[in-house]
């Protein structure tokens, strides 16, 4: 099996040493450990955008529908309602890069 950890020095492929492999794997694991934090930050950004898009409906001279009230509440509750094992589902996108999870669908 080929060593997947290599340097290119003077145009030649040079395999990592055992110590370099250990260090690289630790770096990769550290990034994987941060993924839920990165995903949650992305989810919060999307959520805040969706709330901002509907803020005008919450003005005192507007009567907001029960569906819109429920949508805005569901946006605010996302961090409590979805654990890290659901973040990939929340961030899933279709071929047009549109979010596919039903929680993001605004009522008409």
C-alpha atoms as a PDB file:
ATOM      1  CA  UNK A   1       0.000   0.000   0.000  1.00  0.00           C
ATOM      2  CA  UNK A   2       1.362   3.406  -0.966  1.00  0.00           C
ATOM      3  CA  UNK A   3       2.199   5.976   1.679  1.00  0.00           C
ATOM      4  CA  UNK A   4      -0.447   8.706   1.368  1.00  0.00           C
ATOM      5  CA  UNK A   5       1.744  11.173   3.240  1.00  0.00           C
ATOM      6  CA  UNK A   6       4.493  12.461   0.997  1.00  0.00           C
ATOM      7  CA  UNK A   7       6.545  15.611   0.442  1.00  0.00           C
ATOM      8  CA  UNK A   8       7.727  16.728  -2.931  1.00  0.00           C
ATOM      9  CA  UNK A   9      11.341  17.795  -2.616  1.00  0.00           C
ATOM     10  CA  UNK A  10      13.154  18.939  -5.755  1.00  0.00           C
ATOM     11  CA  UNK A  11      10.369  17.333  -7.784  1.00  0.00           C
ATOM     12  CA  UNK A  12      10.755  13.948  -6.097  1.00  0.00           C
ATOM     13  CA  UNK A  13       8.221  12.182  -3.908  1.00  0.00           C
ATOM     14  CA  UNK A  14       9.626  11.652  -0.413  1.00  0.00           C
ATOM     15  CA  UNK A  15       7.535   9.683   2.115  1.00  0.00           C
ATOM     16  CA  UNK A  16       6.781  11.189   5.528  1.00  0.00           C
ATOM     17  CA  UNK A  17       8.671   9.786   8.449  1.00  0.00           C
ATOM     18  CA  UNK A  18       6.732   7.941  11.166  1.00  0.00           C
ATOM     19  CA  UNK A  19       6.922  11.057  13.334  1.00  0.00           C
ATOM     20  CA  UNK A  20       5.601  13.256  10.500  1.00  0.00           C
ATOM     21  CA  UNK A  21       2.727  10.843   9.900  1.00  0.00           C
ATOM     22  CA  UNK A  22       1.826  10.891  13.596  1.00  0.00           C
ATOM     23  CA  UNK A  23       1.917  14.700  13.651  1.00  0.00           C
ATOM     24  CA  UNK A  24      -0.165  14.961  10.458  1.00  0.00           C
ATOM     25  CA  UNK A  25      -2.783  12.534  11.759  1.00  0.00           C
ATOM     26  CA  UNK A  26      -3.015  14.581  14.976  1.00  0.00           C
ATOM     27  CA  UNK A  27      -3.569  17.744  12.890  1.00  0.00           C
ATOM     28  CA  UNK A  28      -6.275  16.008  10.852  1.00  0.00           C
ATOM     29  CA  UNK A  29      -8.014  14.774  14.004  1.00  0.00           C
ATOM     30  CA  UNK A  30      -7.884  18.255  15.536  1.00  0.00           C
ATOM     31  CA  UNK A  31      -9.669  19.620  12.454  1.00  0.00           C
ATOM     32  CA  UNK A  32     -12.282  16.848  12.606  1.00  0.00           C
ATOM     33  CA  UNK A  33     -12.854  17.625  16.284  1.00  0.00           C
ATOM     34  CA  UNK A  34     -13.605  21.264  15.348  1.00  0.00           C
ATOM     35  CA  UNK A  35     -16.120  20.355  12.617  1.00  0.00           C
ATOM     36  CA  UNK A  36     -19.207  20.512  14.856  1.00  0.00           C
ATOM     37  CA  UNK A  37     -18.209  24.023  15.980  1.00  0.00           C
ATOM     38  CA  UNK A  38     -17.688  25.149  12.373  1.00  0.00           C
ATOM     39  CA  UNK A  39     -20.980  23.561  11.306  1.00  0.00           C
ATOM     40  CA  UNK A  40     -22.895  25.206  14.160  1.00  0.00           C
ATOM     41  CA  UNK A  41     -21.423  28.596  13.250  1.00  0.00           C
ATOM     42  CA  UNK A  42     -22.608  28.065   9.656  1.00  0.00           C
ATOM     43  CA  UNK A  43     -26.059  26.975  10.840  1.00  0.00           C
ATOM     44  CA  UNK A  44     -26.358  30.048  13.054  1.00  0.00           C
ATOM     45  CA  UNK A  45     -25.338  32.301  10.164  1.00  0.00           C
ATOM     46  CA  UNK A  46     -28.024  30.773   7.930  1.00  0.00           C
ATOM     47  CA  UNK A  47     -30.574  30.929  10.738  1.00  0.00           C
ATOM     48  CA  UNK A  48     -29.817  34.594  11.434  1.00  0.00           C
ATOM     49  CA  UNK A  49     -30.169  35.380   7.728  1.00  0.00           C
ATOM     50  CA  UNK A  50     -33.564  33.637   7.598  1.00  0.00           C
ATOM     51  CA  UNK A  51     -34.717  35.561  10.667  1.00  0.00           C
ATOM     52  CA  UNK A  52     -33.454  38.838   9.209  1.00  0.00           C
ATOM     53  CA  UNK A  53     -35.348  38.145   5.980  1.00  0.00           C
ATOM     54  CA  UNK A  54     -38.593  37.930   7.970  1.00  0.00           C
ATOM     55  CA  UNK A  55     -37.927  40.649  10.574  1.00  0.00           C
ATOM     56  CA  UNK A  56     -40.123  43.116   8.711  1.00  0.00           C
ATOM     57  CA  UNK A  57     -43.087  40.832   9.440  1.00  0.00           C
ATOM     58  CA  UNK A  58     -42.556  41.290  13.161  1.00  0.00           C
ATOM     59  CA  UNK A  59     -43.160  45.049  13.036  1.00  0.00           C
ATOM     60  CA  UNK A  60     -45.907  46.340  15.297  1.00  0.00           C
ATOM     61  CA  UNK A  61     -48.095  47.408  12.345  1.00  0.00           C
ATOM     62  CA  UNK A  62     -48.040  43.889  10.889  1.00  0.00           C
ATOM     63  CA  UNK A  63     -50.038  40.837  11.876  1.00  0.00           C
ATOM     64  CA  UNK A  64     -47.822  37.818  11.523  1.00  0.00           C
ATOM     65  CA  UNK A  65     -49.413  34.515  10.565  1.00  0.00           C
ATOM     66  CA  UNK A  66     -49.228  31.610  12.987  1.00  0.00           C
ATOM     67  CA  UNK A  67     -47.172  29.727  10.380  1.00  0.00           C
ATOM     68  CA  UNK A  68     -44.614  32.541  10.251  1.00  0.00           C
ATOM     69  CA  UNK A  69     -44.516  32.745  14.054  1.00  0.00           C
ATOM     70  CA  UNK A  70     -43.856  28.992  14.159  1.00  0.00           C
ATOM     71  CA  UNK A  71     -41.156  29.305  11.473  1.00  0.00           C
ATOM     72  CA  UNK A  72     -39.356  32.095  13.338  1.00  0.00           C
ATOM     73  CA  UNK A  73     -39.582  30.136  16.591  1.00  0.00           C
ATOM     74  CA  UNK A  74     -38.166  27.045  14.893  1.00  0.00           C
ATOM     75  CA  UNK A  75     -35.267  29.182  13.604  1.00  0.00           C
ATOM     76  CA  UNK A  76     -34.522  30.448  17.111  1.00  0.00           C
ATOM     77  CA  UNK A  77     -34.742  26.907  18.513  1.00  0.00           C
ATOM     78  CA  UNK A  78     -32.372  25.237  16.037  1.00  0.00           C
ATOM     79  CA  UNK A  79     -29.347  25.184  18.390  1.00  0.00           C
ATOM     80  CA  UNK A  80     -31.418  23.456  21.090  1.00  0.00           C
ATOM     81  CA  UNK A  81     -33.434  21.207  18.778  1.00  0.00           C
ATOM     82  CA  UNK A  82     -30.596  19.762  16.684  1.00  0.00           C
ATOM     83  CA  UNK A  83     -27.520  18.018  18.039  1.00  0.00           C
ATOM     84  CA  UNK A  84     -24.174  17.788  16.276  1.00  0.00           C
ATOM     85  CA  UNK A  85     -25.112  14.447  14.693  1.00  0.00           C
ATOM     86  CA  UNK A  86     -27.828  16.298  12.699  1.00  0.00           C
ATOM     87  CA  UNK A  87     -25.655  19.172  11.432  1.00  0.00           C
ATOM     88  CA  UNK A  88     -24.835  17.456   8.134  1.00  0.00           C
ATOM     89  CA  UNK A  89     -28.572  17.032   7.472  1.00  0.00           C
ATOM     90  CA  UNK A  90     -29.220  20.701   8.273  1.00  0.00           C
ATOM     91  CA  UNK A  91     -26.447  21.791   5.920  1.00  0.00           C
ATOM     92  CA  UNK A  92     -27.307  19.396   3.067  1.00  0.00           C
ATOM     93  CA  UNK A  93     -27.754  21.069  -0.314  1.00  0.00           C
ATOM     94  CA  UNK A  94     -29.161  19.985  -3.652  1.00  0.00           C
ATOM     95  CA  UNK A  95     -27.420  20.260  -7.031  1.00  0.00           C
ATOM     96  CA  UNK A  96     -28.448  23.946  -7.172  1.00  0.00           C
ATOM     97  CA  UNK A  97     -26.801  24.481  -3.743  1.00  0.00           C
ATOM     98  CA  UNK A  98     -30.153  25.147  -2.085  1.00  0.00           C
ATOM     99  CA  UNK A  99     -30.601  23.902   1.468  1.00  0.00           C
ATOM    100  CA  UNK A 100     -32.743  20.772   1.456  1.00  0.00           C
ATOM    101  CA  UNK A 101     -33.755  20.335   5.100  1.00  0.00           C
ATOM    102  CA  UNK A 102     -37.418  21.226   5.694  1.00  0.00           C
ATOM    103  CA  UNK A 103     -36.594  23.442   8.692  1.00  0.00           C
ATOM    104  CA  UNK A 104     -35.290  26.141   6.312  1.00  0.00           C
ATOM    105  CA  UNK A 105     -38.487  26.345   4.230  1.00  0.00           C
ATOM    106  CA  UNK A 106     -40.268  29.609   4.902  1.00  0.00           C
ATOM    107  CA  UNK A 107     -44.074  29.553   4.860  1.00  0.00           C
ATOM    108  CA  UNK A 108     -45.702  31.321   1.938  1.00  0.00           C
END
